[in-house]
Structures are given as C-alpha cells and as structure tokens.
Amino acid sequence: MKRFVLPKKIKLPGGFNIKVGEVALTNDETSNWSYDMQGNGVIQLKKGMTQAQQKYSFSHELLHAVADYHHFMITQGGTR
C-alpha cells in the first residue's frame, strides 16, 4: 500500500491554485478551507495530526475546494 503524502500545492486549470499547509488551529477545528475570487485557495490542517487524520481532513477540505472551483469557473471564467 502506498504511503499518503500531503501535497504542498495543487494547480487546477483556469488559474485556481490551492496551497496546503499545517498550522496551529484551535482544539475544536481540525481543518479549514478558504479562497478568494482571484483563485487562490488555502487548505489548513491542524499540526500534529496522524497520517490517517491528515488524509481524512485533506480529502474533506478538497471536496469543498472542488465545489468552490466549479463556482469560480462559472462566475469568473478563470482569471489566468
């Protein structure tokens, strides 16, 4: 079985770029997704999570990112 490696950057067509990082989040928050209408997104994962927790939280936030990417491409038509 392949080892899960957390990506640092994801580039999607149309100029939508996602950065992935580990940060200190509050105890009730394990992950966070945010983006701006210029197509810059950030997935933040809580520092110190196990590999399984990272994998779950990353895939969960990636679902939000894909939905917002779809909205971005419809409303903005891509910016770059």
PDB file of N, CA and C in Angstrom:
ATOM      1  N   MET A   1       0.840  -1.180   0.000  1.00  0.00           N
ATOM      2  CA  MET A   1       0.000   0.000   0.000  1.00  0.00           C
ATOM      3  C   MET A   1       0.887   1.247   0.000  1.00  0.00           C
ATOM      4  N   LYS A   2       0.541   2.213  -0.833  1.00  0.00           N
ATOM      5  CA  LYS A   2       1.329   3.435  -0.923  1.00  0.00           C
ATOM      6  C   LYS A   2       1.126   4.305   0.303  1.00  0.00           C
ATOM      7  N   ARG A   3       2.183   4.995   0.669  1.00  0.00           N
ATOM      8  CA  ARG A   3       2.135   5.914   1.804  1.00  0.00           C
ATOM      9  C   ARG A   3       1.490   7.217   1.350  1.00  0.00           C
ATOM     10  N   PHE A   4       0.611   7.772   2.178  1.00  0.00           N
ATOM     11  CA  PHE A   4      -0.041   9.041   1.865  1.00  0.00           C
ATOM     12  C   PHE A   4       0.956  10.178   2.045  1.00  0.00           C
ATOM     13  N   VAL A   5       1.107  11.002   1.027  1.00  0.00           N
ATOM     14  CA  VAL A   5       1.985  12.168   1.089  1.00  0.00           C
ATOM     15  C   VAL A   5       1.120  13.407   0.885  1.00  0.00           C
ATOM     16  N   LEU A   6       1.136  14.282   1.861  1.00  0.00           N
ATOM     17  CA  LEU A   6       0.347  15.507   1.802  1.00  0.00           C
ATOM     18  C   LEU A   6       0.954  16.458   0.773  1.00  0.00           C
ATOM     19  N   PRO A   7       0.196  16.840  -0.268  1.00  0.00           N
ATOM     20  CA  PRO A   7       0.751  17.771  -1.254  1.00  0.00           C
ATOM     21  C   PRO A   7       0.899  19.171  -0.668  1.00  0.00           C
ATOM     22  N   LYS A   8       1.827  19.947  -1.188  1.00  0.00           N
ATOM     23  CA  LYS A   8       2.021  21.328  -0.729  1.00  0.00           C
ATOM     24  C   LYS A   8       1.253  22.313  -1.602  1.00  0.00           C
ATOM     25  N   LYS A   9       1.039  21.946  -2.878  1.00  0.00           N
ATOM     26  CA  LYS A   9       0.352  22.817  -3.825  1.00  0.00           C
ATOM     27  C   LYS A   9      -0.458  21.981  -4.795  1.00  0.00           C
ATOM     28  N   ILE A  10      -1.604  22.509  -5.188  1.00  0.00           N
ATOM     29  CA  ILE A  10      -2.420  21.873  -6.215  1.00  0.00           C
ATOM     30  C   ILE A  10      -2.794  22.969  -7.203  1.00  0.00           C
ATOM     31  N   LYS A  11      -2.536  22.742  -8.495  1.00  0.00           N
ATOM     32  CA  LYS A  11      -2.896  23.718  -9.523  1.00  0.00           C
ATOM     33  C   LYS A  11      -4.011  23.123 -10.370  1.00  0.00           C
ATOM     34  N   LEU A  12      -5.102  23.867 -10.487  1.00  0.00           N
ATOM     35  CA  LEU A  12      -6.219  23.437 -11.308  1.00  0.00           C
ATOM     36  C   LEU A  12      -6.309  24.347 -12.528  1.00  0.00           C
ATOM     37  N   PRO A  13      -6.853  23.861 -13.642  1.00  0.00           N
ATOM     38  CA  PRO A  13      -6.971  24.694 -14.844  1.00  0.00           C
ATOM     39  C   PRO A  13      -7.767  25.969 -14.572  1.00  0.00           C
ATOM     40  N   GLY A  14      -7.465  27.015 -15.315  1.00  0.00           N
ATOM     41  CA  GLY A  14      -8.188  28.271 -15.170  1.00  0.00           C
ATOM     42  C   GLY A  14      -7.591  29.188 -14.128  1.00  0.00           C
ATOM     43  N   GLY A  15      -6.429  28.847 -13.601  1.00  0.00           N
ATOM     44  CA  GLY A  15      -5.769  29.726 -12.651  1.00  0.00           C
ATOM     45  C   GLY A  15      -6.200  29.558 -11.215  1.00  0.00           C
ATOM     46  N   PHE A  16      -6.713  28.390 -10.844  1.00  0.00           N
ATOM     47  CA  PHE A  16      -7.128  28.137  -9.464  1.00  0.00           C
ATOM     48  C   PHE A  16      -6.004  27.385  -8.768  1.00  0.00           C
ATOM     49  N   ASN A  17      -5.372  28.017  -7.811  1.00  0.00           N
ATOM     50  CA  ASN A  17      -4.220  27.443  -7.109  1.00  0.00           C
ATOM     51  C   ASN A  17      -4.543  27.226  -5.641  1.00  0.00           C
ATOM     52  N   ILE A  18      -4.225  26.050  -5.142  1.00  0.00           N
ATOM     53  CA  ILE A  18      -4.503  25.700  -3.749  1.00  0.00           C
ATOM     54  C   ILE A  18      -3.182  25.402  -3.049  1.00  0.00           C
ATOM     55  N   LYS A  19      -2.943  26.062  -1.933  1.00  0.00           N
ATOM     56  CA  LYS A  19      -1.786  25.766  -1.090  1.00  0.00           C
ATOM     57  C   LYS A  19      -2.274  24.924   0.083  1.00  0.00           C
ATOM     58  N   VAL A  20      -1.446  23.985   0.502  1.00  0.00           N
ATOM     59  CA  VAL A  20      -1.784  23.113   1.619  1.00  0.00           C
ATOM     60  C   VAL A  20      -0.712  23.288   2.689  1.00  0.00           C
ATOM     61  N   GLY A  21      -1.149  23.489   3.929  1.00  0.00           N
ATOM     62  CA  GLY A  21      -0.181  23.672   4.997  1.00  0.00           C
ATOM     63  C   GLY A  21      -0.688  23.190   6.336  1.00  0.00           C
ATOM     64  N   GLU A  22       0.247  22.967   7.235  1.00  0.00           N
ATOM     65  CA  GLU A  22      -0.080  22.574   8.605  1.00  0.00           C
ATOM     66  C   GLU A  22       0.108  23.789   9.503  1.00  0.00           C
ATOM     67  N   VAL A  23      -0.918  24.128  10.252  1.00  0.00           N
ATOM     68  CA  VAL A  23      -0.884  25.310  11.118  1.00  0.00           C
ATOM     69  C   VAL A  23      -1.457  24.971  12.490  1.00  0.00           C
ATOM     70  N   ALA A  24      -1.278  25.875  13.423  1.00  0.00           N
ATOM     71  CA  ALA A  24      -1.860  25.707  14.760  1.00  0.00           C
ATOM     72  C   ALA A  24      -3.306  26.190  14.715  1.00  0.00           C
ATOM     73  N   LEU A  25      -4.237  25.278  14.820  1.00  0.00           N
ATOM     74  CA  LEU A  25      -5.660  25.618  14.841  1.00  0.00           C
ATOM     75  C   LEU A  25      -6.199  25.385  16.249  1.00  0.00           C
ATOM     76  N   THR A  26      -7.379  25.906  16.513  1.00  0.00           N
ATOM     77  CA  THR A  26      -7.990  25.716  17.827  1.00  0.00           C
ATOM     78  C   THR A  26      -8.362  24.250  18.021  1.00  0.00           C
ATOM     79  N   ASN A  27      -8.612  23.860  19.260  1.00  0.00           N
ATOM     80  CA  ASN A  27      -8.914  22.462  19.572  1.00  0.00           C
ATOM     81  C   ASN A  27     -10.162  21.946  18.870  1.00  0.00           C
ATOM     82  N   ASP A  28     -11.153  22.816  18.652  1.00  0.00           N
ATOM     83  CA  ASP A  28     -12.395  22.360  18.029  1.00  0.00           C
ATOM     84  C   ASP A  28     -12.319  22.381  16.505  1.00  0.00           C
ATOM     85  N   GLU A  29     -11.210  22.809  15.949  1.00  0.00           N
ATOM     86  CA  GLU A  29     -11.069  22.906  14.497  1.00  0.00           C
ATOM     87  C   GLU A  29      -9.875  22.074  14.041  1.00  0.00           C
ATOM     88  N   THR A  30     -10.131  21.070  13.198  1.00  0.00           N
ATOM     89  CA  THR A  30      -9.035  20.230  12.722  1.00  0.00           C
ATOM     90  C   THR A  30      -8.573  20.621  11.328  1.00  0.00           C
ATOM     91  N   SER A  31      -9.438  21.292  10.559  1.00  0.00           N
ATOM     92  CA  SER A  31      -9.052  21.709   9.217  1.00  0.00           C
ATOM     93  C   SER A  31      -9.904  22.899   8.789  1.00  0.00           C
ATOM     94  N   ASN A  32      -9.429  23.581   7.745  1.00  0.00           N
ATOM     95  CA  ASN A  32     -10.087  24.795   7.299  1.00  0.00           C
ATOM     96  C   ASN A  32      -9.810  24.987   5.807  1.00  0.00           C
ATOM     97  N   TRP A  33     -10.798  25.503   5.088  1.00  0.00           N
ATOM     98  CA  TRP A  33     -10.648  25.813   3.665  1.00  0.00           C
ATOM     99  C   TRP A  33     -11.096  27.243   3.431  1.00  0.00           C
ATOM    100  N   SER A  34     -10.313  28.000   2.688  1.00  0.00           N
ATOM    101  CA  SER A  34     -10.717  29.353   2.313  1.00  0.00           C
ATOM    102  C   SER A  34     -10.125  29.687   0.948  1.00  0.00           C
ATOM    103  N   TYR A  35     -10.788  30.599   0.242  1.00  0.00           N
ATOM    104  CA  TYR A  35     -10.266  31.042  -1.051  1.00  0.00           C
ATOM    105  C   TYR A  35     -10.794  32.429  -1.357  1.00  0.00           C
ATOM    106  N   ASP A  36     -10.134  33.101  -2.300  1.00  0.00           N
ATOM    107  CA  ASP A  36     -10.612  34.404  -2.744  1.00  0.00           C
ATOM    108  C   ASP A  36     -11.055  34.295  -4.206  1.00  0.00           C
ATOM    109  N   MET A  37     -11.688  35.327  -4.704  1.00  0.00           N
ATOM    110  CA  MET A  37     -12.228  35.270  -6.063  1.00  0.00           C
ATOM    111  C   MET A  37     -11.152  35.464  -7.135  1.00  0.00           C
ATOM    112  N   GLN A  38      -9.896  35.545  -6.738  1.00  0.00           N
ATOM    113  CA  GLN A  38      -8.802  35.562  -7.705  1.00  0.00           C
ATOM    114  C   GLN A  38      -8.277  34.146  -7.954  1.00  0.00           C
ATOM    115  N   GLY A  39      -8.858  33.179  -7.268  1.00  0.00           N
ATOM    116  CA  GLY A  39      -8.484  31.785  -7.489  1.00  0.00           C
ATOM    117  C   GLY A  39      -7.356  31.276  -6.614  1.00  0.00           C
ATOM    118  N   ASN A  40      -7.128  31.937  -5.489  1.00  0.00           N
ATOM    119  CA  ASN A  40      -6.101  31.491  -4.547  1.00  0.00           C
ATOM    120  C   ASN A  40      -6.776  30.833  -3.354  1.00  0.00           C
ATOM    121  N   GLY A  41      -6.509  29.568  -3.158  1.00  0.00           N
ATOM    122  CA  GLY A  41      -7.122  28.841  -2.055  1.00  0.00           C
ATOM    123  C   GLY A  41      -6.084  28.305  -1.085  1.00  0.00           C
ATOM    124  N   VAL A  42      -6.533  28.065   0.146  1.00  0.00           N
ATOM    125  CA  VAL A  42      -5.649  27.536   1.184  1.00  0.00           C
ATOM    126  C   VAL A  42      -6.389  26.460   1.969  1.00  0.00           C
ATOM    127  N   ILE A  43      -5.781  25.284   2.051  1.00  0.00           N
ATOM    128  CA  ILE A  43      -6.268  24.230   2.937  1.00  0.00           C
ATOM    129  C   ILE A  43      -5.322  24.204   4.130  1.00  0.00           C
ATOM    130  N   GLN A  44      -5.877  24.415   5.319  1.00  0.00           N
ATOM    131  CA  GLN A  44      -5.075  24.395   6.538  1.00  0.00           C
ATOM    132  C   GLN A  44      -5.448  23.158   7.349  1.00  0.00           C
ATOM    133  N   LEU A  45      -4.440  22.404   7.737  1.00  0.00           N
ATOM    134  CA  LEU A  45      -4.640  21.226   8.576  1.00  0.00           C
ATOM    135  C   LEU A  45      -3.948  21.454   9.909  1.00  0.00           C
ATOM    136  N   LYS A  46      -4.558  20.954  10.958  1.00  0.00           N
ATOM    137  CA  LYS A  46      -4.004  21.139  12.304  1.00  0.00           C
ATOM    138  C   LYS A  46      -2.669  20.405  12.442  1.00  0.00           C
ATOM    139  N   LYS A  47      -1.692  21.078  13.017  1.00  0.00           N
ATOM    140  CA  LYS A  47      -0.380  20.468  13.261  1.00  0.00           C
ATOM    141  C   LYS A  47      -0.512  19.303  14.230  1.00  0.00           C
ATOM    142  N   GLY A  48       0.297  18.284  14.021  1.00  0.00           N
ATOM    143  CA  GLY A  48       0.349  17.165  14.952  1.00  0.00           C
ATOM    144  C   GLY A  48      -0.667  16.069  14.696  1.00  0.00           C
ATOM    145  N   MET A  49      -1.404  16.150  13.598  1.00  0.00           N
ATOM    146  CA  MET A  49      -2.377  15.095  13.299  1.00  0.00           C
ATOM    147  C   MET A  49      -1.648  13.846  12.809  1.00  0.00           C
ATOM    148  N   THR A  50      -2.266  12.703  13.029  1.00  0.00           N
ATOM    149  CA  THR A  50      -1.712  11.465  12.496  1.00  0.00           C
ATOM    150  C   THR A  50      -1.910  11.465  10.987  1.00  0.00           C
ATOM    151  N   GLN A  51      -1.237  10.552  10.320  1.00  0.00           N
ATOM    152  CA  GLN A  51      -1.351  10.456   8.869  1.00  0.00           C
ATOM    153  C   GLN A  51      -2.793  10.149   8.449  1.00  0.00           C
ATOM    154  N   ALA A  52      -3.480   9.301   9.191  1.00  0.00           N
ATOM    155  CA  ALA A  52      -4.873   8.971   8.884  1.00  0.00           C
ATOM    156  C   ALA A  52      -5.775  10.193   9.056  1.00  0.00           C
ATOM    157  N   GLN A  53      -5.547  10.973  10.119  1.00  0.00           N
ATOM    158  CA  GLN A  53      -6.333  12.186  10.330  1.00  0.00           C
ATOM    159  C   GLN A  53      -6.071  13.201   9.223  1.00  0.00           C
ATOM    160  N   GLN A  54      -4.807  13.331   8.818  1.00  0.00           N
ATOM    161  CA  GLN A  54      -4.462  14.240   7.725  1.00  0.00           C
ATOM    162  C   GLN A  54      -5.176  13.837   6.446  1.00  0.00           C
ATOM    163  N   LYS A  55      -5.139  12.562   6.145  1.00  0.00           N
ATOM    164  CA  LYS A  55      -5.753  12.048   4.918  1.00  0.00           C
ATOM    165  C   LYS A  55      -7.249  12.341   4.907  1.00  0.00           C
ATOM    166  N   TYR A  56      -7.922  12.079   6.016  1.00  0.00           N
ATOM    167  CA  TYR A  56      -9.360  12.326   6.111  1.00  0.00           C
ATOM    168  C   TYR A  56      -9.665  13.816   5.991  1.00  0.00           C
ATOM    169  N   SER A  57      -8.979  14.649   6.772  1.00  0.00           N
ATOM    170  CA  SER A  57      -9.242  16.086   6.769  1.00  0.00           C
ATOM    171  C   SER A  57      -8.917  16.708   5.419  1.00  0.00           C
ATOM    172  N   PHE A  58      -7.816  16.272   4.804  1.00  0.00           N
ATOM    173  CA  PHE A  58      -7.432  16.793   3.493  1.00  0.00           C
ATOM    174  C   PHE A  58      -8.491  16.460   2.449  1.00  0.00           C
ATOM    175  N   SER A  59      -8.954  15.209   2.421  1.00  0.00           N
ATOM    176  CA  SER A  59      -9.957  14.819   1.424  1.00  0.00           C
ATOM    177  C   SER A  59     -11.274  15.544   1.662  1.00  0.00           C
ATOM    178  N   HIS A  60     -11.622  15.780   2.922  1.00  0.00           N
ATOM    179  CA  HIS A  60     -12.843  16.518   3.249  1.00  0.00           C
ATOM    180  C   HIS A  60     -12.753  17.955   2.728  1.00  0.00           C
ATOM    181  N   GLU A  61     -11.646  18.631   2.998  1.00  0.00           N
ATOM    182  CA  GLU A  61     -11.479  20.015   2.548  1.00  0.00           C
ATOM    183  C   GLU A  61     -11.339  20.094   1.034  1.00  0.00           C
ATOM    184  N   LEU A  62     -10.778  19.064   0.422  1.00  0.00           N
ATOM    185  CA  LEU A  62     -10.646  19.040  -1.030  1.00  0.00           C
ATOM    186  C   LEU A  62     -12.014  18.995  -1.705  1.00  0.00           C
ATOM    187  N   LEU A  63     -12.985  18.331  -1.083  1.00  0.00           N
ATOM    188  CA  LEU A  63     -14.351  18.335  -1.618  1.00  0.00           C
ATOM    189  C   LEU A  63     -14.923  19.748  -1.633  1.00  0.00           C
ATOM    190  N   HIS A  64     -14.696  20.506  -0.559  1.00  0.00           N
ATOM    191  CA  HIS A  64     -15.135  21.900  -0.528  1.00  0.00           C
ATOM    192  C   HIS A  64     -14.420  22.706  -1.611  1.00  0.00           C
ATOM    193  N   ALA A  65     -13.136  22.445  -1.788  1.00  0.00           N
ATOM    194  CA  ALA A  65     -12.344  23.170  -2.782  1.00  0.00           C
ATOM    195  C   ALA A  65     -12.861  22.916  -4.193  1.00  0.00           C
ATOM    196  N   VAL A  66     -13.204  21.674  -4.510  1.00  0.00           N
ATOM    197  CA  VAL A  66     -13.701  21.340  -5.845  1.00  0.00           C
ATOM    198  C   VAL A  66     -15.040  22.019  -6.109  1.00  0.00           C
ATOM    199  N   ALA A  67     -15.911  22.064  -5.109  1.00  0.00           N
ATOM    200  CA  ALA A  67     -17.198  22.753  -5.270  1.00  0.00           C
ATOM    201  C   ALA A  67     -16.982  24.244  -5.512  1.00  0.00           C
ATOM    202  N   ASP A  68     -16.073  24.859  -4.760  1.00  0.00           N
ATOM    203  CA  ASP A  68     -15.786  26.280  -4.944  1.00  0.00           C
ATOM    204  C   ASP A  68     -15.075  26.537  -6.263  1.00  0.00           C
ATOM    205  N   TYR A  69     -14.239  25.609  -6.700  1.00  0.00           N
ATOM    206  CA  TYR A  69     -13.574  25.719  -8.003  1.00  0.00           C
ATOM    207  C   TYR A  69     -14.620  25.737  -9.112  1.00  0.00           C
ATOM    208  N   HIS A  70     -15.598  24.857  -9.026  1.00  0.00           N
ATOM    209  CA  HIS A  70     -16.680  24.806 -10.010  1.00  0.00           C
ATOM    210  C   HIS A  70     -17.408  26.155 -10.049  1.00  0.00           C
ATOM    211  N   HIS A  71     -17.725  26.704  -8.884  1.00  0.00           N
ATOM    212  CA  HIS A  71     -18.393  28.004  -8.791  1.00  0.00           C
ATOM    213  C   HIS A  71     -17.502  29.107  -9.366  1.00  0.00           C
ATOM    214  N   PHE A  72     -16.214  29.069  -9.048  1.00  0.00           N
ATOM    215  CA  PHE A  72     -15.243  30.051  -9.543  1.00  0.00           C
ATOM    216  C   PHE A  72     -15.192  30.046 -11.066  1.00  0.00           C
ATOM    217  N   MET A  73     -15.143  28.868 -11.673  1.00  0.00           N
ATOM    218  CA  MET A  73     -15.047  28.774 -13.131  1.00  0.00           C
ATOM    219  C   MET A  73     -16.323  29.262 -13.805  1.00  0.00           C
ATOM    220  N   ILE A  74     -17.472  29.042 -13.166  1.00  0.00           N
ATOM    221  CA  ILE A  74     -18.736  29.515 -13.746  1.00  0.00           C
ATOM    222  C   ILE A  74     -18.844  31.028 -13.631  1.00  0.00           C
ATOM    223  N   THR A  75     -18.569  31.573 -12.451  1.00  0.00           N
ATOM    224  CA  THR A  75     -18.776  33.008 -12.228  1.00  0.00           C
ATOM    225  C   THR A  75     -17.636  33.863 -12.761  1.00  0.00           C
ATOM    226  N   GLN A  76     -16.408  33.376 -12.696  1.00  0.00           N
ATOM    227  CA  GLN A  76     -15.253  34.175 -13.113  1.00  0.00           C
ATOM    228  C   GLN A  76     -14.693  33.751 -14.468  1.00  0.00           C
ATOM    229  N   GLY A  77     -15.002  32.543 -14.887  1.00  0.00           N
ATOM    230  CA  GLY A  77     -14.481  32.049 -16.155  1.00  0.00           C
ATOM    231  C   GLY A  77     -12.976  31.826 -16.146  1.00  0.00           C
ATOM    232  N   GLY A  78     -12.432  31.706 -14.954  1.00  0.00           N
ATOM    233  CA  GLY A  78     -10.973  31.586 -14.853  1.00  0.00           C
ATOM    234  C   GLY A  78     -10.364  32.969 -15.001  1.00  0.00           C
ATOM    235  N   THR A  79      -9.322  33.254 -14.280  1.00  0.00           N
ATOM    236  CA  THR A  79      -8.752  34.601 -14.333  1.00  0.00           C
ATOM    237  C   THR A  79      -7.375  34.630 -14.969  1.00  0.00           C
ATOM    238  N   ARG A  80      -6.757  33.465 -15.170  1.00  0.00           N
ATOM    239  CA  ARG A  80      -5.402  33.467 -15.746  1.00  0.00           C
ATOM    240  C   ARG A  80      -5.295  32.446 -16.847  1.00  0.00           C
TER     241      ARG A  80
END
